[in-house]
Amino acid sequence: MKLVPRRRLWLAGRVSLLALALSGCALLQPGPRTVAISEARLAQAIAGQFPFNSRHMELFDVSLAAPRVRLIPRENRIATELGYSIGALLPGSRQMQGTLNLSYGLRFEPSDGTVRLADVRVDGFDVPGVPQAYASRASRLGGLLAESLLQDFVVYRVKAEDLQLAQGWGYQPGPLQVVPGGLQLQLNPVKR
């Protein structure tokens, strides 16, 4: 009977341990992953939803256009400046045009695979041509109108195939985080 040298036994033992460790890792749940979305791609996705036209309370026709996006990473928010136009559906009323500045967060809605505005806050609503006595009221009213129109506004729809692919890999979309230069989408492991 031939004796196996100690070195071979040591090496065989290490290989067995490594194989056992790797098979154990395959049973462990994968960790979260992140997907980076550039500021340019985000701006393009938001711009693709405009111009936005809506009738509000059967009284106002509202149009929003030309969004300009700026990231606010320290607050996990996005600032957007838009041109607006509001026309009342009353005879003899005139159309108002100006600039709307707002900020918001983003959230993923799993029920329909959309990315939506969240916690919309109007930071400025310019109402040119309104007499000074009415300017603050008009600005406040316009701000409330904008917040109600844009809360939960859809800025992106994730393709069903992409969601199925992520689920096939064992992941589901999680929180969105505003970071310098863009967004990060966290992909969380699906609990099995």
C-alpha atoms as a PDB file:
ATOM      1  CA  MET A   1       0.000   0.000   0.000  1.00  0.00           C
ATOM      2  CA  LYS A   2       1.349   3.370  -1.039  1.00  0.00           C
ATOM      3  CA  LEU A   3       1.100   6.317   1.399  1.00  0.00           C
ATOM      4  CA  VAL A   4      -0.273   9.600   0.106  1.00  0.00           C
ATOM      5  CA  PRO A   5       2.124  12.438   0.749  1.00  0.00           C
ATOM      6  CA  ARG A   6       0.996  14.938   3.369  1.00  0.00           C
ATOM      7  CA  ARG A   7       1.020  17.793   0.858  1.00  0.00           C
ATOM      8  CA  ARG A   8      -1.595  16.038  -1.324  1.00  0.00           C
ATOM      9  CA  LEU A   9      -3.819  15.379   1.687  1.00  0.00           C
ATOM     10  CA  TRP A  10      -3.526  18.992   2.761  1.00  0.00           C
ATOM     11  CA  LEU A  11      -4.404  20.210  -0.770  1.00  0.00           C
ATOM     12  CA  ALA A  12      -7.326  17.765  -1.111  1.00  0.00           C
ATOM     13  CA  GLY A  13      -8.662  18.927   2.260  1.00  0.00           C
ATOM     14  CA  ARG A  14      -8.484  22.593   1.227  1.00  0.00           C
ATOM     15  CA  VAL A  15     -10.228  21.909  -2.109  1.00  0.00           C
ATOM     16  CA  SER A  16     -13.003  20.017  -0.268  1.00  0.00           C
ATOM     17  CA  LEU A  17     -13.434  22.901   2.185  1.00  0.00           C
ATOM     18  CA  LEU A  18     -13.594  25.424  -0.675  1.00  0.00           C
ATOM     19  CA  ALA A  19     -16.192  23.328  -2.531  1.00  0.00           C
ATOM     20  CA  LEU A  20     -18.266  23.033   0.635  1.00  0.00           C
ATOM     21  CA  ALA A  21     -18.058  26.795   1.266  1.00  0.00           C
ATOM     22  CA  LEU A  22     -19.080  27.624  -2.316  1.00  0.00           C
ATOM     23  CA  SER A  23     -22.049  25.264  -2.206  1.00  0.00           C
ATOM     24  CA  GLY A  24     -23.117  26.886   1.068  1.00  0.00           C
ATOM     25  CA  CYS A  25     -22.898  30.333  -0.535  1.00  0.00           C
ATOM     26  CA  ALA A  26     -25.179  29.191  -3.344  1.00  0.00           C
ATOM     27  CA  LEU A  27     -27.852  28.472  -0.730  1.00  0.00           C
ATOM     28  CA  LEU A  28     -27.530  31.928   0.857  1.00  0.00           C
ATOM     29  CA  GLN A  29     -29.813  34.750  -0.234  1.00  0.00           C
ATOM     30  CA  PRO A  30     -28.104  37.210  -2.627  1.00  0.00           C
ATOM     31  CA  GLY A  31     -27.468  40.693  -1.239  1.00  0.00           C
ATOM     32  CA  PRO A  32     -28.974  43.956  -2.468  1.00  0.00           C
ATOM     33  CA  ARG A  33     -27.642  45.427  -5.707  1.00  0.00           C
ATOM     34  CA  THR A  34     -27.820  48.963  -7.106  1.00  0.00           C
ATOM     35  CA  VAL A  35     -28.487  50.238 -10.593  1.00  0.00           C
ATOM     36  CA  ALA A  36     -27.157  53.684 -11.552  1.00  0.00           C
ATOM     37  CA  ILE A  37     -29.267  56.055 -13.655  1.00  0.00           C
ATOM     38  CA  SER A  38     -27.444  59.114 -14.981  1.00  0.00           C
ATOM     39  CA  GLU A  39     -28.776  62.648 -14.558  1.00  0.00           C
ATOM     40  CA  ALA A  40     -29.034  62.958 -18.351  1.00  0.00           C
ATOM     41  CA  ARG A  41     -31.120  59.773 -18.609  1.00  0.00           C
ATOM     42  CA  LEU A  42     -33.337  60.947 -15.736  1.00  0.00           C
ATOM     43  CA  ALA A  43     -33.851  64.349 -17.383  1.00  0.00           C
ATOM     44  CA  GLN A  44     -34.713  62.585 -20.647  1.00  0.00           C
ATOM     45  CA  ALA A  45     -37.265  60.321 -18.900  1.00  0.00           C
ATOM     46  CA  ILE A  46     -38.905  63.307 -17.199  1.00  0.00           C
ATOM     47  CA  ALA A  47     -38.889  65.415 -20.383  1.00  0.00           C
ATOM     48  CA  GLY A  48     -40.576  62.536 -22.233  1.00  0.00           C
ATOM     49  CA  GLN A  49     -43.704  63.051 -20.091  1.00  0.00           C
ATOM     50  CA  PHE A  50     -44.158  66.661 -21.258  1.00  0.00           C
ATOM     51  CA  PRO A  51     -45.935  68.671 -22.503  1.00  0.00           C
ATOM     52  CA  PHE A  52     -48.578  67.714 -19.946  1.00  0.00           C
ATOM     53  CA  ASN A  53     -52.126  68.973 -20.479  1.00  0.00           C
ATOM     54  CA  SER A  54     -54.972  68.558 -18.023  1.00  0.00           C
ATOM     55  CA  ARG A  55     -58.369  69.959 -17.182  1.00  0.00           C
ATOM     56  CA  HIS A  56     -58.732  70.573 -13.453  1.00  0.00           C
ATOM     57  CA  MET A  57     -62.106  70.717 -11.668  1.00  0.00           C
ATOM     58  CA  GLU A  58     -63.761  71.309 -15.081  1.00  0.00           C
ATOM     59  CA  LEU A  59     -62.710  74.913 -14.592  1.00  0.00           C
ATOM     60  CA  PHE A  60     -59.053  75.262 -15.660  1.00  0.00           C
ATOM     61  CA  ASP A  61     -57.023  73.996 -18.594  1.00  0.00           C
ATOM     62  CA  VAL A  62     -53.457  73.499 -17.380  1.00  0.00           C
ATOM     63  CA  SER A  63     -50.416  72.914 -19.564  1.00  0.00           C
ATOM     64  CA  LEU A  64     -46.865  72.222 -18.324  1.00  0.00           C
ATOM     65  CA  ALA A  65     -43.828  72.088 -20.608  1.00  0.00           C
ATOM     66  CA  ALA A  66     -40.050  72.347 -20.951  1.00  0.00           C
ATOM     67  CA  PRO A  67     -38.826  70.764 -17.686  1.00  0.00           C
ATOM     68  CA  ARG A  68     -35.304  71.607 -16.494  1.00  0.00           C
ATOM     69  CA  VAL A  69     -34.036  69.153 -13.887  1.00  0.00           C
ATOM     70  CA  ARG A  70     -31.561  69.713 -11.029  1.00  0.00           C
ATOM     71  CA  LEU A  71     -30.568  67.109  -8.440  1.00  0.00           C
ATOM     72  CA  ILE A  72     -30.589  67.803  -4.679  1.00  0.00           C
ATOM     73  CA  PRO A  73     -28.748  64.737  -3.300  1.00  0.00           C
ATOM     74  CA  ARG A  74     -28.438  66.006   0.294  1.00  0.00           C
ATOM     75  CA  GLU A  75     -32.279  66.057   0.527  1.00  0.00           C
ATOM     76  CA  ASN A  76     -32.887  63.007  -1.718  1.00  0.00           C
ATOM     77  CA  ARG A  77     -34.994  65.249  -3.956  1.00  0.00           C
ATOM     78  CA  ILE A  78     -35.097  66.521  -7.519  1.00  0.00           C
ATOM     79  CA  ALA A  79     -35.853  70.138  -8.420  1.00  0.00           C
ATOM     80  CA  THR A  80     -37.604  70.911 -11.685  1.00  0.00           C
ATOM     81  CA  GLU A  81     -38.453  74.205 -13.330  1.00  0.00           C
ATOM     82  CA  LEU A  82     -41.368  74.129 -15.783  1.00  0.00           C
ATOM     83  CA  GLY A  83     -43.148  76.596 -17.977  1.00  0.00           C
ATOM     84  CA  TYR A  84     -46.888  76.643 -17.324  1.00  0.00           C
ATOM     85  CA  SER A  85     -50.034  77.951 -18.939  1.00  0.00           C
ATOM     86  CA  ILE A  86     -53.416  78.135 -17.167  1.00  0.00           C
ATOM     87  CA  GLY A  87     -56.630  79.152 -18.859  1.00  0.00           C
ATOM     88  CA  ALA A  88     -59.990  79.415 -17.137  1.00  0.00           C
ATOM     89  CA  LEU A  89     -62.963  78.003 -19.033  1.00  0.00           C
ATOM     90  CA  LEU A  90     -64.983  81.149 -18.360  1.00  0.00           C
ATOM     91  CA  PRO A  91     -65.974  83.567 -21.127  1.00  0.00           C
ATOM     92  CA  GLY A  92     -63.693  86.572 -21.284  1.00  0.00           C
ATOM     93  CA  SER A  93     -60.978  85.088 -19.052  1.00  0.00           C
ATOM     94  CA  ARG A  94     -57.373  85.329 -20.133  1.00  0.00           C
ATOM     95  CA  GLN A  95     -54.641  82.742 -20.113  1.00  0.00           C
ATOM     96  CA  MET A  96     -51.811  83.059 -17.573  1.00  0.00           C
ATOM     97  CA  GLN A  97     -48.288  81.917 -18.325  1.00  0.00           C
ATOM     98  CA  GLY A  98     -45.255  81.734 -16.102  1.00  0.00           C
ATOM     99  CA  THR A  99     -42.711  79.540 -14.383  1.00  0.00           C
ATOM    100  CA  LEU A 100     -43.271  76.811 -11.816  1.00  0.00           C
ATOM    101  CA  ASN A 101     -40.450  75.567  -9.560  1.00  0.00           C
ATOM    102  CA  LEU A 102     -41.011  72.390  -7.610  1.00  0.00           C
ATOM    103  CA  SER A 103     -39.099  69.654  -5.858  1.00  0.00           C
ATOM    104  CA  TYR A 104     -40.017  66.059  -5.154  1.00  0.00           C
ATOM    105  CA  GLY A 105     -38.778  62.609  -4.353  1.00  0.00           C
ATOM    106  CA  LEU A 106     -39.299  59.509  -6.478  1.00  0.00           C
ATOM    107  CA  ARG A 107     -40.844  56.191  -5.548  1.00  0.00           C
ATOM    108  CA  PHE A 108     -41.341  52.895  -7.333  1.00  0.00           C
ATOM    109  CA  GLU A 109     -44.941  51.622  -7.417  1.00  0.00           C
ATOM    110  CA  PRO A 110     -44.795  47.814  -7.668  1.00  0.00           C
ATOM    111  CA  SER A 111     -48.509  47.376  -8.495  1.00  0.00           C
ATOM    112  CA  ASP A 112     -48.070  48.841 -11.982  1.00  0.00           C
ATOM    113  CA  GLY A 113     -44.274  49.037 -12.426  1.00  0.00           C
ATOM    114  CA  THR A 114     -44.114  52.836 -12.493  1.00  0.00           C
ATOM    115  CA  VAL A 115     -41.766  55.439 -11.071  1.00  0.00           C
ATOM    116  CA  ARG A 116     -43.817  58.303  -9.611  1.00  0.00           C
ATOM    117  CA  LEU A 117     -43.294  61.710  -8.061  1.00  0.00           C
ATOM    118  CA  ALA A 118     -43.607  61.672  -4.271  1.00  0.00           C
ATOM    119  CA  ASP A 119     -43.894  64.427  -1.667  1.00  0.00           C
ATOM    120  CA  VAL A 120     -44.310  67.150  -4.322  1.00  0.00           C
ATOM    121  CA  ARG A 121     -43.570  70.622  -2.985  1.00  0.00           C
ATOM    122  CA  VAL A 122     -43.976  73.848  -4.962  1.00  0.00           C
ATOM    123  CA  ASP A 123     -40.994  76.070  -4.246  1.00  0.00           C
ATOM    124  CA  GLY A 124     -42.043  78.942  -6.516  1.00  0.00           C
ATOM    125  CA  PHE A 125     -44.959  79.854  -8.740  1.00  0.00           C
ATOM    126  CA  ASP A 126     -44.358  82.953 -10.832  1.00  0.00           C
ATOM    127  CA  VAL A 127     -47.565  84.761 -11.864  1.00  0.00           C
ATOM    128  CA  PRO A 128     -46.569  87.620 -14.176  1.00  0.00           C
ATOM    129  CA  GLY A 129     -49.059  90.371 -14.894  1.00  0.00           C
ATOM    130  CA  VAL A 130     -51.184  89.868 -11.785  1.00  0.00           C
ATOM    131  CA  PRO A 131     -51.622  93.032  -9.676  1.00  0.00           C
ATOM    132  CA  GLN A 132     -49.409  93.052  -6.569  1.00  0.00           C
ATOM    133  CA  ALA A 133     -52.419  92.859  -4.241  1.00  0.00           C
ATOM    134  CA  TYR A 134     -53.395  89.466  -5.723  1.00  0.00           C
ATOM    135  CA  ALA A 135     -49.950  88.056  -6.552  1.00  0.00           C
ATOM    136  CA  SER A 136     -49.409  86.104  -3.315  1.00  0.00           C
ATOM    137  CA  ARG A 137     -52.928  84.600  -3.441  1.00  0.00           C
ATOM    138  CA  ALA A 138     -52.542  83.657  -7.100  1.00  0.00           C
ATOM    139  CA  SER A 139     -49.146  82.121  -6.370  1.00  0.00           C
ATOM    140  CA  ARG A 140     -50.528  80.113  -3.435  1.00  0.00           C
ATOM    141  CA  LEU A 141     -53.535  78.917  -5.474  1.00  0.00           C
ATOM    142  CA  GLY A 142     -51.305  77.969  -8.404  1.00  0.00           C
ATOM    143  CA  GLY A 143     -48.951  76.117  -6.053  1.00  0.00           C
ATOM    144  CA  LEU A 144     -51.812  74.088  -4.549  1.00  0.00           C
ATOM    145  CA  LEU A 145     -53.122  73.287  -8.035  1.00  0.00           C
ATOM    146  CA  ALA A 146     -49.667  72.149  -9.183  1.00  0.00           C
ATOM    147  CA  GLU A 147     -49.118  69.982  -6.095  1.00  0.00           C
ATOM    148  CA  SER A 148     -52.469  68.233  -6.543  1.00  0.00           C
ATOM    149  CA  LEU A 149     -51.882  67.655 -10.274  1.00  0.00           C
ATOM    150  CA  LEU A 150     -48.346  66.333  -9.886  1.00  0.00           C
ATOM    151  CA  GLN A 151     -48.562  64.188  -6.733  1.00  0.00           C
ATOM    152  CA  ASP A 152     -48.031  60.568  -7.883  1.00  0.00           C
ATOM    153  CA  PHE A 153     -47.371  61.769 -11.461  1.00  0.00           C
ATOM    154  CA  VAL A 154     -45.837  58.932 -13.504  1.00  0.00           C
ATOM    155  CA  VAL A 155     -42.396  59.781 -14.921  1.00  0.00           C
ATOM    156  CA  TYR A 156     -41.387  56.300 -16.061  1.00  0.00           C
ATOM    157  CA  ARG A 157     -42.907  52.870 -16.713  1.00  0.00           C
ATOM    158  CA  VAL A 158     -40.665  49.855 -16.220  1.00  0.00           C
ATOM    159  CA  LYS A 159     -41.256  47.249 -18.916  1.00  0.00           C
ATOM    160  CA  ALA A 160     -43.001  44.106 -17.677  1.00  0.00           C
ATOM    161  CA  GLU A 161     -40.238  41.995 -19.270  1.00  0.00           C
ATOM    162  CA  ASP A 162     -37.586  43.857 -17.266  1.00  0.00           C
ATOM    163  CA  LEU A 163     -39.491  43.288 -14.014  1.00  0.00           C
ATOM    164  CA  GLN A 164     -39.898  39.594 -14.835  1.00  0.00           C
ATOM    165  CA  LEU A 165     -36.192  39.325 -15.644  1.00  0.00           C
ATOM    166  CA  ALA A 166     -35.242  40.921 -12.314  1.00  0.00           C
ATOM    167  CA  GLN A 167     -37.619  38.579 -10.480  1.00  0.00           C
ATOM    168  CA  GLY A 168     -36.103  35.632 -12.348  1.00  0.00           C
ATOM    169  CA  TRP A 169     -32.716  36.671 -10.980  1.00  0.00           C
ATOM    170  CA  GLY A 170     -34.273  36.869  -7.513  1.00  0.00           C
ATOM    171  CA  TYR A 171     -34.619  40.657  -7.204  1.00  0.00           C
ATOM    172  CA  GLN A 172     -37.329  43.285  -6.956  1.00  0.00           C
ATOM    173  CA  PRO A 173     -37.012  47.086  -7.277  1.00  0.00           C
ATOM    174  CA  GLY A 174     -36.599  48.937  -3.985  1.00  0.00           C
ATOM    175  CA  PRO A 175     -35.955  52.556  -3.007  1.00  0.00           C
ATOM    176  CA  LEU A 176     -34.609  55.235  -5.332  1.00  0.00           C
ATOM    177  CA  GLN A 177     -31.839  57.469  -3.982  1.00  0.00           C
ATOM    178  CA  VAL A 178     -30.780  60.811  -5.501  1.00  0.00           C
ATOM    179  CA  VAL A 179     -26.970  60.912  -5.618  1.00  0.00           C
ATOM    180  CA  PRO A 180     -24.498  63.313  -7.248  1.00  0.00           C
ATOM    181  CA  GLY A 181     -24.720  62.709 -11.002  1.00  0.00           C
ATOM    182  CA  GLY A 182     -28.014  60.785 -11.020  1.00  0.00           C
ATOM    183  CA  LEU A 183     -30.083  58.188  -9.226  1.00  0.00           C
ATOM    184  CA  GLN A 184     -29.436  54.823  -7.679  1.00  0.00           C
ATOM    185  CA  LEU A 185     -32.141  52.183  -7.725  1.00  0.00           C
ATOM    186  CA  GLN A 186     -31.730  49.511  -5.086  1.00  0.00           C
ATOM    187  CA  LEU A 187     -32.637  45.977  -6.134  1.00  0.00           C
ATOM    188  CA  ASN A 188     -33.605  43.896  -3.121  1.00  0.00           C
ATOM    189  CA  PRO A 189     -33.510  40.102  -2.984  1.00  0.00           C
ATOM    190  CA  VAL A 190     -36.920  38.455  -3.206  1.00  0.00           C
ATOM    191  CA  LYS A 191     -37.654  36.537  -0.022  1.00  0.00           C
ATOM    192  CA  ARG A 192     -38.136  32.865  -0.745  1.00  0.00           C
END
